[in-house]
PDB file of all heavy atoms in Angstrom:
ATOM      1  N   PHE A   1       0.847  -1.165   0.025  1.00  0.00           N
ATOM      2  CA  PHE A   1       0.020  -0.016  -0.039  1.00  0.00           C
ATOM      3  C   PHE A   1       0.880   1.294   0.048  1.00  0.00           C
ATOM      4  O   PHE A   1       0.640   2.285  -0.717  1.00  0.00           O
ATOM      5  CB  PHE A   1      -0.909  -0.044   1.202  1.00  0.00           C
ATOM      6  CG  PHE A   1      -1.725   1.177   1.514  1.00  0.00           C
ATOM      7  CD1 PHE A   1      -2.718   1.635   0.593  1.00  0.00           C
ATOM      8  CD2 PHE A   1      -1.262   2.071   2.487  1.00  0.00           C
ATOM      9  CE1 PHE A   1      -3.448   2.776   0.823  1.00  0.00           C
ATOM     10  CE2 PHE A   1      -1.843   3.339   2.718  1.00  0.00           C
ATOM     11  CZ  PHE A   1      -2.985   3.650   1.826  1.00  0.00           C
ATOM     12  N   GLN A   2       1.895   1.196   0.834  1.00  0.00           N
ATOM     13  CA  GLN A   2       2.811   2.309   0.921  1.00  0.00           C
ATOM     14  C   GLN A   2       3.562   2.649  -0.434  1.00  0.00           C
ATOM     15  O   GLN A   2       3.655   3.855  -0.749  1.00  0.00           O
ATOM     16  CB  GLN A   2       3.950   1.996   1.998  1.00  0.00           C
ATOM     17  CG  GLN A   2       4.656   3.295   2.440  1.00  0.00           C
ATOM     18  CD  GLN A   2       5.561   2.893   3.566  1.00  0.00           C
ATOM     19  OE1 GLN A   2       6.197   1.808   3.590  1.00  0.00           O
ATOM     20  NE2 GLN A   2       5.823   3.835   4.560  1.00  0.00           N
ATOM     21  N   ASN A   3       3.922   1.684  -1.152  1.00  0.00           N
ATOM     22  CA  ASN A   3       4.555   1.930  -2.434  1.00  0.00           C
ATOM     23  C   ASN A   3       3.608   2.048  -3.678  1.00  0.00           C
ATOM     24  O   ASN A   3       4.036   2.250  -4.760  1.00  0.00           O
ATOM     25  CB  ASN A   3       5.633   0.863  -2.857  1.00  0.00           C
ATOM     26  CG  ASN A   3       5.032  -0.423  -3.011  1.00  0.00           C
ATOM     27  OD1 ASN A   3       3.898  -0.651  -3.499  1.00  0.00           O
ATOM     28  ND2 ASN A   3       5.776  -1.571  -2.738  1.00  0.00           N
ATOM     29  N   GLY A   4       2.317   2.030  -3.356  1.00  0.00           N
ATOM     30  CA  GLY A   4       1.294   2.280  -4.375  1.00  0.00           C
ATOM     31  C   GLY A   4       0.865   1.115  -5.252  1.00  0.00           C
ATOM     32  O   GLY A   4       0.114   1.139  -6.162  1.00  0.00           O
ATOM     33  N   SER A   5       1.263  -0.056  -4.842  1.00  0.00           N
ATOM     34  CA  SER A   5       1.039  -1.320  -5.548  1.00  0.00           C
ATOM     35  C   SER A   5      -0.444  -1.755  -5.521  1.00  0.00           C
ATOM     36  O   SER A   5      -1.134  -2.245  -6.309  1.00  0.00           O
ATOM     37  CB  SER A   5       1.873  -2.556  -5.143  1.00  0.00           C
ATOM     38  OG  SER A   5       3.245  -2.186  -5.319  1.00  0.00           O
ATOM     39  N   ILE A   6      -0.957  -1.355  -4.209  1.00  0.00           N
ATOM     40  CA  ILE A   6      -2.420  -1.586  -4.040  1.00  0.00           C
ATOM     41  C   ILE A   6      -3.053  -0.336  -3.343  1.00  0.00           C
ATOM     42  O   ILE A   6      -2.291   0.420  -2.736  1.00  0.00           O
ATOM     43  CB  ILE A   6      -2.614  -2.865  -3.079  1.00  0.00           C
ATOM     44  CG1 ILE A   6      -1.958  -2.665  -1.736  1.00  0.00           C
ATOM     45  CG2 ILE A   6      -2.094  -4.046  -3.713  1.00  0.00           C
ATOM     46  CD1 ILE A   6      -2.226  -3.728  -0.616  1.00  0.00           C
ATOM     47  N   ASN A   7      -4.405  -0.291  -3.536  1.00  0.00           N
ATOM     48  CA  ASN A   7      -4.945   0.778  -2.978  1.00  0.00           C
ATOM     49  C   ASN A   7      -5.633   0.493  -1.523  1.00  0.00           C
ATOM     50  O   ASN A   7      -5.528  -0.729  -1.100  1.00  0.00           O
ATOM     51  CB  ASN A   7      -6.129   1.447  -3.851  1.00  0.00           C
ATOM     52  CG  ASN A   7      -7.239   0.451  -4.224  1.00  0.00           C
ATOM     53  OD1 ASN A   7      -7.407  -0.471  -3.450  1.00  0.00           O
ATOM     54  ND2 ASN A   7      -7.728   0.540  -5.403  1.00  0.00           N
ATOM     55  N   LEU A   8      -6.400   1.394  -0.885  1.00  0.00           N
ATOM     56  CA  LEU A   8      -6.937   1.216   0.375  1.00  0.00           C
ATOM     57  C   LEU A   8      -7.953  -0.028   0.339  1.00  0.00           C
ATOM     58  O   LEU A   8      -7.880  -0.826   1.214  1.00  0.00           O
ATOM     59  CB  LEU A   8      -7.592   2.399   0.927  1.00  0.00           C
ATOM     60  CG  LEU A   8      -7.932   2.379   2.397  1.00  0.00           C
ATOM     61  CD1 LEU A   8      -6.679   2.332   3.259  1.00  0.00           C
ATOM     62  CD2 LEU A   8      -8.811   3.657   2.802  1.00  0.00           C
ATOM     63  N   SER A   9      -8.748  -0.079  -0.636  1.00  0.00           N
ATOM     64  CA  SER A   9      -9.718  -1.060  -0.723  1.00  0.00           C
ATOM     65  C   SER A   9      -9.145  -2.412  -0.850  1.00  0.00           C
ATOM     66  O   SER A   9      -9.516  -3.502  -0.293  1.00  0.00           O
ATOM     67  CB  SER A   9     -10.716  -0.841  -2.041  1.00  0.00           C
ATOM     68  OG  SER A   9     -11.457   0.316  -1.795  1.00  0.00           O
ATOM     69  N   GLU A  10      -8.017  -2.592  -1.667  1.00  0.00           N
ATOM     70  CA  GLU A  10      -7.275  -3.843  -1.864  1.00  0.00           C
ATOM     71  C   GLU A  10      -6.708  -4.320  -0.547  1.00  0.00           C
ATOM     72  O   GLU A  10      -6.489  -5.388  -0.185  1.00  0.00           O
ATOM     73  CB  GLU A  10      -6.271  -3.789  -2.987  1.00  0.00           C
ATOM     74  CG  GLU A  10      -7.003  -3.634  -4.301  1.00  0.00           C
ATOM     75  CD  GLU A  10      -6.087  -3.197  -5.466  1.00  0.00           C
ATOM     76  OE1 GLU A  10      -5.080  -2.380  -5.169  1.00  0.00           O
ATOM     77  OE2 GLU A  10      -6.217  -3.690  -6.621  1.00  0.00           O
ATOM     78  N   LEU A  11      -6.026  -3.164   0.181  1.00  0.00           N
ATOM     79  CA  LEU A  11      -5.458  -3.536   1.505  1.00  0.00           C
ATOM     80  C   LEU A  11      -6.476  -4.005   2.453  1.00  0.00           C
ATOM     81  O   LEU A  11      -6.089  -5.033   3.188  1.00  0.00           O
ATOM     82  CB  LEU A  11      -4.719  -2.210   2.055  1.00  0.00           C
ATOM     83  CG  LEU A  11      -4.155  -2.356   3.405  1.00  0.00           C
ATOM     84  CD1 LEU A  11      -3.055  -3.322   3.503  1.00  0.00           C
ATOM     85  CD2 LEU A  11      -3.649  -0.928   3.902  1.00  0.00           C
ATOM     86  N   SER A  12      -7.545  -3.468   2.504  1.00  0.00           N
ATOM     87  CA  SER A  12      -8.708  -3.989   3.378  1.00  0.00           C
ATOM     88  C   SER A  12      -9.076  -5.401   3.018  1.00  0.00           C
ATOM     89  O   SER A  12      -9.197  -6.122   3.887  1.00  0.00           O
ATOM     90  CB  SER A  12      -9.943  -3.082   3.213  1.00  0.00           C
ATOM     91  OG  SER A  12     -10.971  -3.542   3.935  1.00  0.00           O
ATOM     92  N   ARG A  13      -9.281  -5.664   1.678  1.00  0.00           N
ATOM     93  CA  ARG A  13      -9.645  -6.986   1.276  1.00  0.00           C
ATOM     94  C   ARG A  13      -8.581  -8.052   1.616  1.00  0.00           C
ATOM     95  O   ARG A  13      -8.743  -9.181   2.110  1.00  0.00           O
ATOM     96  CB  ARG A  13     -10.013  -7.113  -0.216  1.00  0.00           C
ATOM     97  CG  ARG A  13     -10.429  -8.427  -0.840  1.00  0.00           C
ATOM     98  CD  ARG A  13     -10.678  -8.329  -2.268  1.00  0.00           C
ATOM     99  NE  ARG A  13      -9.649  -7.959  -2.976  1.00  0.00           N
ATOM    100  CZ  ARG A  13      -8.764  -8.793  -3.414  1.00  0.00           C
ATOM    101  NH1 ARG A  13      -8.794 -10.044  -3.065  1.00  0.00           N
ATOM    102  NH2 ARG A  13      -7.733  -8.395  -4.105  1.00  0.00           N
ATOM    103  N   LEU A  14      -7.339  -7.706   1.172  1.00  0.00           N
ATOM    104  CA  LEU A  14      -6.268  -8.677   1.413  1.00  0.00           C
ATOM    105  C   LEU A  14      -5.942  -9.004   2.766  1.00  0.00           C
ATOM    106  O   LEU A  14      -5.704 -10.054   3.173  1.00  0.00           O
ATOM    107  CB  LEU A  14      -4.850  -8.190   0.674  1.00  0.00           C
ATOM    108  CG  LEU A  14      -4.954  -8.174  -0.807  1.00  0.00           C
ATOM    109  CD1 LEU A  14      -3.749  -7.378  -1.350  1.00  0.00           C
ATOM    110  CD2 LEU A  14      -4.965  -9.551  -1.301  1.00  0.00           C
ATOM    111  N   SER A  15      -6.004  -7.957   3.670  1.00  0.00           N
ATOM    112  CA  SER A  15      -5.703  -8.103   5.106  1.00  0.00           C
ATOM    113  C   SER A  15      -6.845  -8.584   5.928  1.00  0.00           C
ATOM    114  O   SER A  15      -6.765  -9.062   7.013  1.00  0.00           O
ATOM    115  CB  SER A  15      -5.145  -6.831   5.671  1.00  0.00           C
ATOM    116  OG  SER A  15      -6.064  -5.883   5.550  1.00  0.00           O
ATOM    117  N   GLY A  16      -8.098  -8.576   5.182  1.00  0.00           N
ATOM    118  CA  GLY A  16      -9.335  -8.912   6.065  1.00  0.00           C
ATOM    119  C   GLY A  16      -9.653  -8.003   7.105  1.00  0.00           C
ATOM    120  O   GLY A  16     -10.166  -8.400   8.195  1.00  0.00           O
ATOM    121  N   ILE A  17      -9.319  -6.741   6.976  1.00  0.00           N
ATOM    122  CA  ILE A  17      -9.595  -5.719   7.954  1.00  0.00           C
ATOM    123  C   ILE A  17     -10.470  -4.635   7.539  1.00  0.00           C
ATOM    124  O   ILE A  17     -10.419  -4.293   6.347  1.00  0.00           O
ATOM    125  CB  ILE A  17      -8.216  -5.038   8.406  1.00  0.00           C
ATOM    126  CG1 ILE A  17      -7.264  -6.166   9.048  1.00  0.00           C
ATOM    127  CG2 ILE A  17      -8.444  -4.069   9.489  1.00  0.00           C
ATOM    128  CD1 ILE A  17      -5.811  -5.677   9.295  1.00  0.00           C
ATOM    129  N   SER A  18     -11.355  -4.205   8.336  1.00  0.00           N
ATOM    130  CA  SER A  18     -12.458  -3.177   7.903  1.00  0.00           C
ATOM    131  C   SER A  18     -11.735  -1.886   7.694  1.00  0.00           C
ATOM    132  O   SER A  18     -10.703  -1.546   8.260  1.00  0.00           O
ATOM    133  CB  SER A  18     -13.587  -3.117   8.991  1.00  0.00           C
ATOM    134  OG  SER A  18     -13.044  -2.508  10.117  1.00  0.00           O
ATOM    135  N   ARG A  19     -12.398  -0.910   6.932  1.00  0.00           N
ATOM    136  CA  ARG A  19     -11.902   0.279   6.630  1.00  0.00           C
ATOM    137  C   ARG A  19     -11.582   1.246   7.932  1.00  0.00           C
ATOM    138  O   ARG A  19     -10.452   1.741   8.053  1.00  0.00           O
ATOM    139  CB  ARG A  19     -12.878   1.135   5.717  1.00  0.00           C
ATOM    140  CG  ARG A  19     -12.781   0.750   4.251  1.00  0.00           C
ATOM    141  CD  ARG A  19     -11.508   1.223   3.614  1.00  0.00           C
ATOM    142  NE  ARG A  19     -11.691   1.071   2.130  1.00  0.00           N
ATOM    143  CZ  ARG A  19     -11.981   2.119   1.306  1.00  0.00           C
ATOM    144  NH1 ARG A  19     -12.314   3.194   1.748  1.00  0.00           N
ATOM    145  NH2 ARG A  19     -12.072   1.765  -0.006  1.00  0.00           N
ATOM    146  N   PRO A  20     -12.568   1.255   8.849  1.00  0.00           N
ATOM    147  CA  PRO A  20     -12.377   2.025  10.102  1.00  0.00           C
ATOM    148  C   PRO A  20     -11.118   1.532  10.830  1.00  0.00           C
ATOM    149  O   PRO A  20     -10.332   2.322  11.388  1.00  0.00           O
ATOM    150  CB  PRO A  20     -13.663   1.823  10.883  1.00  0.00           C
ATOM    151  CG  PRO A  20     -14.696   1.456   9.909  1.00  0.00           C
ATOM    152  CD  PRO A  20     -13.973   0.709   8.833  1.00  0.00           C
ATOM    153  N   THR A  21     -11.013   0.180  10.879  1.00  0.00           N
ATOM    154  CA  THR A  21      -9.762  -0.346  11.590  1.00  0.00           C
ATOM    155  C   THR A  21      -8.492  -0.081  10.908  1.00  0.00           C
ATOM    156  O   THR A  21      -7.531   0.299  11.463  1.00  0.00           O
ATOM    157  CB  THR A  21      -9.891  -1.849  11.811  1.00  0.00           C
ATOM    158  OG1 THR A  21     -11.216  -2.127  12.467  1.00  0.00           O
ATOM    159  CG2 THR A  21      -8.777  -2.421  12.638  1.00  0.00           C
ATOM    160  N   LEU A  22      -8.529  -0.023   9.500  1.00  0.00           N
ATOM    161  CA  LEU A  22      -7.334   0.196   8.761  1.00  0.00           C
ATOM    162  C   LEU A  22      -6.887   1.689   9.044  1.00  0.00           C
ATOM    163  O   LEU A  22      -5.738   1.973   9.073  1.00  0.00           O
ATOM    164  CB  LEU A  22      -7.680   0.029   7.305  1.00  0.00           C
ATOM    165  CG  LEU A  22      -7.364  -1.326   6.594  1.00  0.00           C
ATOM    166  CD1 LEU A  22      -7.714  -1.315   5.146  1.00  0.00           C
ATOM    167  CD2 LEU A  22      -6.013  -1.839   6.916  1.00  0.00           C
ATOM    168  N   TYR A  23      -7.905   2.658   9.033  1.00  0.00           N
ATOM    169  CA  TYR A  23      -7.547   4.008   9.190  1.00  0.00           C
ATOM    170  C   TYR A  23      -6.823   4.176  10.596  1.00  0.00           C
ATOM    171  O   TYR A  23      -5.805   4.935  10.723  1.00  0.00           O
ATOM    172  CB  TYR A  23      -8.852   4.925   9.286  1.00  0.00           C
ATOM    173  CG  TYR A  23      -9.375   4.983   7.863  1.00  0.00           C
ATOM    174  CD1 TYR A  23     -10.814   4.852   7.702  1.00  0.00           C
ATOM    175  CD2 TYR A  23      -8.673   5.376   6.767  1.00  0.00           C
ATOM    176  CE1 TYR A  23     -11.457   4.973   6.512  1.00  0.00           C
ATOM    177  CE2 TYR A  23      -9.273   5.531   5.546  1.00  0.00           C
ATOM    178  CZ  TYR A  23     -10.650   5.316   5.373  1.00  0.00           C
ATOM    179  OH  TYR A  23     -11.229   5.410   4.199  1.00  0.00           O
ATOM    180  N   LYS A  24      -7.270   3.405  11.598  1.00  0.00           N
ATOM    181  CA  LYS A  24      -6.708   3.459  12.890  1.00  0.00           C
ATOM    182  C   LYS A  24      -5.229   2.897  12.843  1.00  0.00           C
ATOM    183  O   LYS A  24      -4.321   3.598  13.442  1.00  0.00           O
ATOM    184  CB  LYS A  24      -7.510   2.602  13.857  1.00  0.00           C
ATOM    185  CG  LYS A  24      -6.902   2.402  15.210  1.00  0.00           C
ATOM    186  CD  LYS A  24      -7.840   1.412  16.042  1.00  0.00           C
ATOM    187  CE  LYS A  24      -7.149   1.015  17.309  1.00  0.00           C
ATOM    188  NZ  LYS A  24      -8.011   0.065  18.045  1.00  0.00           N
ATOM    189  N   TYR A  25      -5.106   1.783  12.144  1.00  0.00           N
ATOM    190  CA  TYR A  25      -3.733   1.202  12.091  1.00  0.00           C
ATOM    191  C   TYR A  25      -2.804   2.157  11.338  1.00  0.00           C
ATOM    192  O   TYR A  25      -1.569   2.205  11.594  1.00  0.00           O
ATOM    193  CB  TYR A  25      -3.823  -0.173  11.342  1.00  0.00           C
ATOM    194  CG  TYR A  25      -4.455  -1.256  12.118  1.00  0.00           C
ATOM    195  CD1 TYR A  25      -4.772  -2.535  11.630  1.00  0.00           C
ATOM    196  CD2 TYR A  25      -4.796  -1.030  13.499  1.00  0.00           C
ATOM    197  CE1 TYR A  25      -5.548  -3.509  12.463  1.00  0.00           C
ATOM    198  CE2 TYR A  25      -5.376  -2.038  14.310  1.00  0.00           C
ATOM    199  CZ  TYR A  25      -5.690  -3.338  13.673  1.00  0.00           C
ATOM    200  OH  TYR A  25      -6.307  -4.274  14.362  1.00  0.00           O
TER     201      TYR A  25
END
């Protein structure tokens, strides 16, 4: 995600983590 290979939605799906929790992390 940091290097732009995936976006926030893909990070959420791949990691199995909800958007609100991702924002927190």
